[in-house]
């Protein structure tokens, strides 16, 4: 079965500005006509032009009448008209999450974008922080998935010492993290957090979905609820990486992460093989019926119920999703992620759910990556090979997640 959904592409990614934010802001304040081409005049005309640096945002739009800016469904700062004819304003927004914006012009909605990330300080390069190195790409030919060819990369922190076994973190759809800055800024985050000892020295293994001939294997690998994929990682990918780098082999020192189908893949790998992975990062996870074959093979849709009835696993889980995620014939992404959170809470897992207004986009997970990494690896002790993960006492006193408001009344 082919995955019929796709990850939303943020309009913001296309707006990655080449001029520094401070220069764009100066152009706006002076009313310069140079601002529009600097941001892409076409996007200014469509109402999809924005730029940011940390919490500071700049919004620019062409409109015949004065536009009203809406930020996360609430009125934003007043727009000002520049000498060059465009409208602009600035805003300070919370970092470590994404934001939605749009305009009202003559009483009608216009332009805007969803899932616009506000990057926190750990997502920008810092002076004096040594950079790790990206090793790859490598191409692996599988035996477990006969003939499947998969690309993978290895990110090695500057602090890695070959004489000391390093912790390991595996990323599905690893090609997304290969560029140093946009779209994920992950390598920058890894460097900053390792330098400040917020996380241990971790070998990051970035694995792309494979191909057999011309068949894309992503859904077969990620959405199939058996243990073939974790065995593929253990016996093939990580075994290959271990020939070059000194890796920890205890599950306590290993994490696994992914978005969408990669998110449920990460959870399934740890749930079926907690001796391999005990730390799970699932963002906009596809806990739905994509590869479900009734009576033959479970789909990811069973997990919210399986967790409640099954033997508890010793794993730590971060979930991220938003109310704008997918609804299609495979299931409800927002609904099942909330059900996952409540099931993990019911069984007193060490878990965290971050809930926002995002769609099926990676940007929310990218923006909160520093917080995700610090939480997953908190209290890590390299002298240990195991730990019993227990629910945060503060979580025990919190209620279950409930749907309190709907966007329709009938």
Protein backbone atom coordinates (compact mmCIF):
# COMPACT_ATOMS: atom_id res chain seq x y z
CA UNK A 1 0.00 0.00 0.00
CA UNK A 2 1.29 3.46 -0.86
CA UNK A 3 1.06 6.25 1.69
CA UNK A 4 -1.54 8.65 0.35
CA UNK A 5 -0.73 11.57 2.65
CA UNK A 6 2.28 13.80 2.51
CA UNK A 7 4.08 16.18 4.83
CA UNK A 8 2.97 19.76 4.33
CA UNK A 9 5.55 22.05 2.80
CA UNK A 10 5.69 25.32 4.68
CA UNK A 11 5.60 28.52 2.67
CA UNK A 12 8.05 29.87 5.24
CA UNK A 13 10.79 27.48 4.12
CA UNK A 14 10.76 29.08 0.68
CA UNK A 15 11.18 32.49 2.32
CA UNK A 16 14.51 31.70 3.94
CA UNK A 17 16.02 35.17 3.60
CA UNK A 18 19.49 35.73 2.26
CA UNK A 19 19.80 39.28 3.69
CA UNK A 20 20.17 39.30 7.50
CA UNK A 21 16.97 39.98 9.40
CA UNK A 22 18.33 43.26 10.72
CA UNK A 23 18.85 44.49 7.14
CA UNK A 24 15.31 43.52 6.17
CA UNK A 25 13.97 45.38 9.19
CA UNK A 26 15.91 48.51 8.25
CA UNK A 27 14.47 48.35 4.72
CA UNK A 28 10.95 48.09 6.15
CA UNK A 29 11.40 50.98 8.56
CA UNK A 30 12.75 53.18 5.79
CA UNK A 31 9.93 52.19 3.43
CA UNK A 32 12.47 51.07 0.84
CA UNK A 33 11.25 49.44 -2.40
CA UNK A 34 14.21 47.06 -2.06
CA UNK A 35 12.39 45.12 0.65
CA UNK A 36 9.96 43.42 -1.74
CA UNK A 37 12.58 41.76 -3.97
CA UNK A 38 14.62 40.89 -0.89
CA UNK A 39 11.64 38.91 0.45
CA UNK A 40 10.42 37.78 -3.03
CA UNK A 41 7.98 40.24 -4.59
CA UNK A 42 5.68 37.42 -5.69
CA UNK A 43 5.25 36.24 -2.13
CA UNK A 44 4.67 39.78 -0.91
CA UNK A 45 1.88 40.08 -3.48
CA UNK A 46 0.35 36.78 -2.34
CA UNK A 47 0.53 37.69 1.35
CA UNK A 48 2.94 34.87 2.23
CA UNK A 49 6.11 36.87 2.93
CA UNK A 50 7.63 36.85 6.40
CA UNK A 51 11.07 36.76 7.96
CA UNK A 52 12.30 36.12 11.47
CA UNK A 53 15.21 36.02 13.87
CA UNK A 54 14.39 34.27 17.11
CA UNK A 55 11.18 35.79 18.51
CA UNK A 56 11.30 38.80 16.15
CA UNK A 57 9.09 38.58 13.06
CA UNK A 58 8.54 40.84 10.07
CA UNK A 59 5.36 40.59 7.97
CA UNK A 60 5.07 42.31 4.59
CA UNK A 61 2.11 42.32 2.18
CA UNK A 62 0.72 44.15 -0.84
CA UNK A 63 -2.91 45.17 -0.46
CA UNK A 64 -5.18 47.86 -1.93
CA UNK A 65 -6.75 48.52 1.47
CA UNK A 66 -5.30 48.37 4.97
CA UNK A 67 -4.89 44.71 5.95
CA UNK A 68 -5.54 43.30 9.40
CA UNK A 69 -2.95 40.76 10.52
CA UNK A 70 -4.21 37.67 12.36
CA UNK A 71 -1.65 35.73 14.39
CA UNK A 72 -2.73 32.30 15.61
CA UNK A 73 -6.36 33.32 14.98
CA UNK A 74 -6.08 36.50 17.07
CA UNK A 75 -5.60 40.12 15.98
CA UNK A 76 -1.94 41.00 15.56
CA UNK A 77 -0.05 44.30 15.51
CA UNK A 78 -1.37 47.10 13.30
CA UNK A 79 0.02 47.15 9.75
CA UNK A 80 1.87 50.27 8.60
CA UNK A 81 2.02 51.53 5.02
CA UNK A 82 5.49 52.09 3.59
CA UNK A 83 6.45 54.87 1.20
CA UNK A 84 6.94 52.18 -1.46
CA UNK A 85 3.29 51.13 -1.14
CA UNK A 86 3.47 47.82 0.72
CA UNK A 87 2.18 47.19 4.26
CA UNK A 88 4.41 45.91 7.03
CA UNK A 89 4.59 45.27 10.75
CA UNK A 90 6.66 43.44 13.34
CA UNK A 91 5.72 41.07 16.14
CA UNK A 92 7.38 39.14 18.95
CA UNK A 93 6.31 35.49 19.03
CA UNK A 94 7.04 32.57 21.33
CA UNK A 95 10.05 30.57 20.22
CA UNK A 96 10.32 26.80 20.13
CA UNK A 97 6.98 26.38 18.34
CA UNK A 98 5.23 27.27 15.10
CA UNK A 99 2.73 30.01 14.34
CA UNK A 100 -0.05 30.59 11.81
CA UNK A 101 -0.89 33.93 10.26
CA UNK A 102 -3.25 35.43 7.69
CA UNK A 103 -4.74 38.78 6.69
CA UNK A 104 -8.19 40.28 6.38
CA UNK A 105 -8.53 42.80 3.53
CA UNK A 106 -11.89 44.53 2.97
CA UNK A 107 -13.48 41.90 5.21
CA UNK A 108 -12.11 38.95 3.22
CA UNK A 109 -9.34 36.51 4.20
CA UNK A 110 -6.11 36.85 2.25
CA UNK A 111 -2.71 35.17 2.13
CA UNK A 112 -0.92 33.84 5.16
CA UNK A 113 0.91 30.65 6.09
CA UNK A 114 0.75 27.86 8.64
CA UNK A 115 3.52 26.13 10.58
CA UNK A 116 5.92 29.08 10.55
CA UNK A 117 8.72 28.19 13.00
CA UNK A 118 10.04 30.57 15.62
CA UNK A 119 13.53 29.33 16.34
CA UNK A 120 14.97 29.45 19.85
CA UNK A 121 18.60 30.28 20.72
CA UNK A 122 19.85 26.69 20.48
CA UNK A 123 18.76 26.57 16.82
CA UNK A 124 21.28 29.26 15.80
CA UNK A 125 25.07 28.89 15.63
CA UNK A 126 26.84 30.12 18.76
CA UNK A 127 30.34 31.54 18.99
CA UNK A 128 32.92 29.12 20.28
CA UNK A 129 30.86 25.99 19.70
CA UNK A 130 32.75 23.38 17.67
CA UNK A 131 30.93 21.83 14.73
CA UNK A 132 30.49 18.12 14.29
CA UNK A 133 31.01 16.48 10.93
CA UNK A 134 28.58 14.83 8.53
CA UNK A 135 29.88 11.49 7.28
CA UNK A 136 28.17 10.30 4.10
CA UNK A 137 26.09 9.71 2.24
CA UNK A 138 26.48 5.94 2.41
CA UNK A 139 24.38 3.46 0.44
CA UNK A 140 23.34 0.23 2.11
CA UNK A 141 21.90 -2.82 0.34
CA UNK A 142 19.62 -4.82 2.63
CA UNK A 143 19.15 -8.53 3.09
CA UNK A 144 16.21 -8.22 5.47
CA UNK A 145 14.38 -6.14 2.83
CA UNK A 146 15.86 -8.09 -0.04
CA UNK A 147 17.63 -5.83 -2.50
CA UNK A 148 16.51 -2.58 -0.86
CA UNK A 149 19.00 0.27 -1.19
CA UNK A 150 18.96 2.91 1.53
CA UNK A 151 20.97 6.10 1.87
CA UNK A 152 22.25 7.06 5.29
CA UNK A 153 24.48 9.67 6.89
CA UNK A 154 26.27 9.79 10.23
CA UNK A 155 26.56 13.02 12.22
CA UNK A 156 29.54 12.87 14.55
CA UNK A 157 29.86 15.49 17.30
CA UNK A 158 33.19 17.25 17.73
CA UNK A 159 33.46 15.78 21.25
CA UNK A 160 33.38 12.18 20.00
CA UNK A 161 36.32 10.16 21.30
CA UNK A 162 36.85 6.78 19.57
CA UNK A 163 38.07 5.27 22.83
CA UNK A 164 34.72 6.00 24.54
CA UNK A 165 31.52 4.33 23.30
CA UNK A 166 29.00 6.98 22.26
CA UNK A 167 25.25 7.07 22.67
CA UNK A 168 23.20 6.60 19.49
CA UNK A 169 20.13 8.24 18.00
CA UNK A 170 18.49 7.01 14.78
CA UNK A 171 16.41 9.34 12.62
CA UNK A 172 13.91 8.17 10.02
CA UNK A 173 13.68 10.30 6.85
CA UNK A 174 17.25 11.23 7.72
CA UNK A 175 17.80 13.18 4.52
CA UNK A 176 15.76 16.02 6.06
CA UNK A 177 18.54 16.63 8.61
CA UNK A 178 21.43 16.60 6.14
CA UNK A 179 21.48 20.35 5.42
CA UNK A 180 23.15 22.12 8.30
CA UNK A 181 20.58 24.86 8.80
CA UNK A 182 17.21 24.90 7.05
CA UNK A 183 14.86 23.14 7.08
CA UNK A 184 15.61 21.53 10.45
CA UNK A 185 18.68 23.25 11.96
CA UNK A 186 19.24 19.90 13.67
CA UNK A 187 23.03 19.83 13.31
CA UNK A 188 23.25 23.29 14.89
CA UNK A 189 21.07 22.07 17.79
CA UNK A 190 23.19 18.94 18.26
CA UNK A 191 26.37 21.02 18.41
CA UNK A 192 25.01 23.58 20.87
CA UNK A 193 23.44 21.05 23.25
CA UNK A 194 26.49 18.76 23.22
CA UNK A 195 28.82 21.70 23.86
CA UNK A 196 26.76 22.79 26.88
CA UNK A 197 26.44 19.18 28.06
CA UNK A 198 22.66 19.32 27.85
CA UNK A 199 22.87 15.98 26.01
CA UNK A 200 25.59 13.33 25.95
CA UNK A 201 27.93 12.72 23.04
CA UNK A 202 25.58 11.09 20.51
CA UNK A 203 26.30 9.54 17.13
CA UNK A 204 23.29 10.60 15.03
CA UNK A 205 22.38 8.08 12.32
CA UNK A 206 20.23 9.62 9.58
CA UNK A 207 18.52 6.92 7.51
CA UNK A 208 16.45 7.52 4.37
CA UNK A 209 13.62 5.23 3.26
CA UNK A 210 14.83 2.63 0.78
CA UNK A 211 14.08 1.64 -2.79
CA UNK A 212 13.62 -1.80 -4.31
CA UNK A 213 13.97 -1.27 -8.05
CA UNK A 214 11.56 1.67 -8.51
CA UNK A 215 9.34 0.84 -5.53
CA UNK A 216 9.51 3.29 -2.67
CA UNK A 217 9.61 1.36 0.59
CA UNK A 218 8.85 4.13 3.08
CA UNK A 219 5.36 3.01 4.10
CA UNK A 220 6.31 -0.67 4.06
CA UNK A 221 9.26 0.03 6.37
CA UNK A 222 7.62 2.61 8.61
CA UNK A 223 3.90 1.78 8.80
CA UNK A 224 4.14 -2.01 9.05
CA UNK A 225 3.64 -3.04 12.66
CA UNK A 226 6.09 -5.89 13.01
CA UNK A 227 9.72 -6.03 14.07
CA UNK A 228 11.38 -6.21 10.66
CA UNK A 229 12.46 -2.57 10.60
CA UNK A 230 14.09 -2.55 14.07
CA UNK A 231 15.92 -5.73 13.08
CA UNK A 232 17.04 -3.99 9.89
CA UNK A 233 18.47 -1.17 12.00
CA UNK A 234 20.12 -3.53 14.50
CA UNK A 235 21.55 -6.14 12.17
CA UNK A 236 22.37 -4.00 9.15
CA UNK A 237 22.54 -0.22 9.54
CA UNK A 238 23.87 0.04 13.10
CA UNK A 239 26.11 -2.98 12.62
CA UNK A 240 27.64 -1.17 9.63
CA UNK A 241 28.02 2.12 11.52
CA UNK A 242 29.64 0.25 14.43
CA UNK A 243 32.46 -0.87 12.13
CA UNK A 244 33.53 2.77 11.91
CA UNK A 245 32.40 4.31 15.21
CA UNK A 246 32.45 3.09 18.81
CA UNK A 247 28.76 2.81 19.76
CA UNK A 248 26.94 2.02 22.98
CA UNK A 249 24.90 -1.17 22.62
CA UNK A 250 22.56 -0.78 25.61
CA UNK A 251 19.02 0.40 24.90
CA UNK A 252 19.38 2.95 27.70
CA UNK A 253 21.88 4.81 25.51
CA UNK A 254 19.85 4.68 22.31
CA UNK A 255 17.05 6.85 21.01
CA UNK A 256 14.95 6.74 17.84
CA UNK A 257 13.03 9.55 16.15
CA UNK A 258 10.78 10.32 13.22
CA UNK A 259 7.95 12.37 11.78
CA UNK A 260 4.61 11.15 10.45
CA UNK A 261 5.06 7.50 9.40
CA UNK A 262 8.60 7.85 10.73
CA UNK A 263 7.08 8.76 14.10
CA UNK A 264 5.06 5.59 14.47
CA UNK A 265 8.05 3.69 13.11
CA UNK A 266 10.15 5.07 15.96
CA UNK A 267 7.54 4.15 18.56
CA UNK A 268 7.04 0.66 17.11
CA UNK A 269 10.80 -0.01 17.07
CA UNK A 270 11.14 0.83 20.77
CA UNK A 271 7.90 -0.89 21.75
CA UNK A 272 8.83 -4.16 20.02
CA UNK A 273 12.53 -3.97 20.96
CA UNK A 274 13.01 -1.88 24.13
CA UNK A 275 16.38 -3.56 24.55
CA UNK A 276 17.45 -1.63 21.42
CA UNK A 277 15.82 1.76 22.00
CA UNK A 278 14.33 3.27 25.14
CA UNK A 279 13.96 6.94 24.11
CA UNK A 280 11.31 7.76 21.51
CA UNK A 281 10.61 10.98 19.64
CA UNK A 282 7.37 10.76 17.61
CA UNK A 283 6.28 13.94 15.81
CA UNK A 284 2.93 14.10 13.97
CA UNK A 285 2.99 10.30 14.29
CA UNK A 286 0.83 8.23 11.91
CA UNK A 287 -0.93 6.07 14.50
CA UNK A 288 -3.42 5.14 11.80
CA UNK A 289 -4.41 2.24 9.54
CA UNK A 290 -2.04 2.86 6.61
CA UNK A 291 -0.69 -0.73 6.49
CA UNK A 292 -3.52 -2.37 8.44
CA UNK A 293 -4.63 -5.72 7.01
CA UNK A 294 -7.62 -6.82 9.12
CA UNK A 295 -7.09 -10.30 10.49
CA UNK A 296 -3.60 -10.47 8.98
CA UNK A 297 -1.48 -7.58 10.21
CA UNK A 298 -2.06 -4.88 12.82
CA UNK A 299 -1.94 -1.25 11.79
CA UNK A 300 -0.69 1.65 13.81
CA UNK A 301 -4.30 2.39 14.72
CA UNK A 302 -4.21 -0.39 17.35
CA UNK A 303 -1.48 1.20 19.45
CA UNK A 304 -3.64 3.52 21.59
CA UNK A 305 -5.58 0.42 22.72
CA UNK A 306 -2.69 -2.05 22.70
CA UNK A 307 -0.76 0.12 25.17
CA UNK A 308 -3.64 -0.08 27.68
CA UNK A 309 -3.86 -3.88 27.61
CA UNK A 310 -0.27 -4.93 26.91
CA UNK A 311 2.74 -5.43 29.17
CA UNK A 312 4.23 -2.05 29.99
CA UNK A 313 7.50 -1.29 28.21
CA UNK A 314 10.35 0.57 29.87
CA UNK A 315 10.52 3.45 27.40
CA UNK A 316 10.40 7.26 27.49
CA UNK A 317 8.18 8.90 24.84
CA UNK A 318 7.79 12.44 23.47
CA UNK A 319 4.72 13.02 21.27
CA UNK A 320 4.08 16.14 19.19
CA UNK A 321 1.02 17.03 17.11
CA UNK A 322 -1.50 19.79 16.42
CA UNK A 323 -5.21 20.18 15.82
CA UNK A 324 -4.65 20.96 12.16
CA UNK A 325 -3.18 17.52 11.37
CA UNK A 326 -4.63 15.08 8.85
CA UNK A 327 -8.04 13.47 8.58
CA UNK A 328 -8.33 10.94 5.76
CA UNK A 329 -9.36 7.37 4.99
CA UNK A 330 -6.47 6.03 7.06
CA UNK A 331 -7.63 7.75 10.24
CA UNK A 332 -7.43 10.86 12.39
CA UNK A 333 -3.90 11.99 13.19
CA UNK A 334 -4.94 14.47 15.91
CA UNK A 335 -7.42 12.01 17.42
CA UNK A 336 -5.04 9.08 17.63
CA UNK A 337 -2.13 11.14 18.94
CA UNK A 338 -4.32 12.39 21.78
CA UNK A 339 -5.45 8.80 22.37
CA UNK A 340 -1.80 7.75 22.47
CA UNK A 341 -1.05 10.41 25.08
CA UNK A 342 -3.97 9.33 27.26
CA UNK A 343 -3.02 5.65 26.98
CA UNK A 344 0.56 6.38 27.97
CA UNK A 345 -0.72 8.45 30.87
CA UNK A 346 -3.12 5.71 31.97
CA UNK A 347 -0.24 3.23 32.18
CA UNK A 348 2.02 5.80 33.87
CA UNK A 349 4.66 5.92 31.15
CA UNK A 350 7.36 8.56 31.24
CA UNK A 351 5.87 10.64 28.41
CA UNK A 352 5.29 14.17 27.22
CA UNK A 353 2.70 15.47 24.75
CA UNK A 354 3.23 18.82 23.04
CA UNK A 355 0.02 20.00 21.37
CA UNK A 356 -0.31 22.99 19.08
CA UNK A 357 -2.15 24.46 16.12
CA UNK A 358 0.04 22.91 13.45
CA UNK A 359 -0.82 20.88 10.38
CA UNK A 360 0.93 17.78 9.03
CA UNK A 361 4.27 19.57 8.91
CA UNK A 362 7.72 18.84 10.29
CA UNK A 363 8.22 22.47 11.26
CA UNK A 364 6.71 22.11 14.74
CA UNK A 365 9.09 19.32 15.62
CA UNK A 366 12.05 21.18 14.12
CA UNK A 367 11.27 24.31 16.16
CA UNK A 368 11.01 22.42 19.45
CA UNK A 369 13.99 20.11 18.80
CA UNK A 370 16.20 21.56 21.59
CA UNK A 371 13.47 20.95 24.17
CA UNK A 372 12.80 17.46 22.77
CA UNK A 373 16.46 16.46 22.99
CA UNK A 374 16.99 17.84 26.49
CA UNK A 375 13.86 16.10 27.79
CA UNK A 376 14.63 12.74 26.17
CA UNK A 377 18.21 12.66 27.45
CA UNK A 378 17.65 14.29 30.84
CA UNK A 379 19.33 12.51 33.76
CA UNK A 380 21.38 10.36 31.38
CA UNK A 381 24.36 8.79 33.18
CA UNK A 382 27.05 7.20 30.97
CA UNK A 383 28.05 5.01 33.90
CA UNK A 384 24.70 3.22 33.68
CA UNK A 385 23.35 0.74 31.15
CA UNK A 386 19.75 0.80 32.36
CA UNK A 387 17.18 2.92 34.16
CA UNK A 388 13.59 2.39 35.15
CA UNK A 389 11.67 5.23 33.54
CA UNK A 390 8.89 6.54 35.74
CA UNK A 391 6.20 9.13 35.15
CA UNK A 392 7.02 12.65 36.29
CA UNK A 393 5.15 13.14 39.59
CA UNK A 394 3.74 16.42 38.25
CA UNK A 395 2.14 14.54 35.35
CA UNK A 396 0.29 12.22 37.71
CA UNK A 397 -1.72 15.11 39.07
CA UNK A 398 -2.71 16.42 35.64
CA UNK A 399 -5.99 15.43 33.96
CA UNK A 400 -6.32 13.36 30.82
CA UNK A 401 -6.35 15.28 27.55
CA UNK A 402 -9.90 16.29 26.63
CA UNK A 403 -11.38 17.94 23.53
CA UNK A 404 -13.03 21.00 25.06
CA UNK A 405 -13.79 23.12 22.01
CA UNK A 406 -14.68 22.36 18.40
CA UNK A 407 -14.32 24.53 15.32
CA UNK A 408 -18.00 23.89 14.47
CA UNK A 409 -21.22 23.85 16.45
CA UNK A 410 -23.30 21.35 14.52
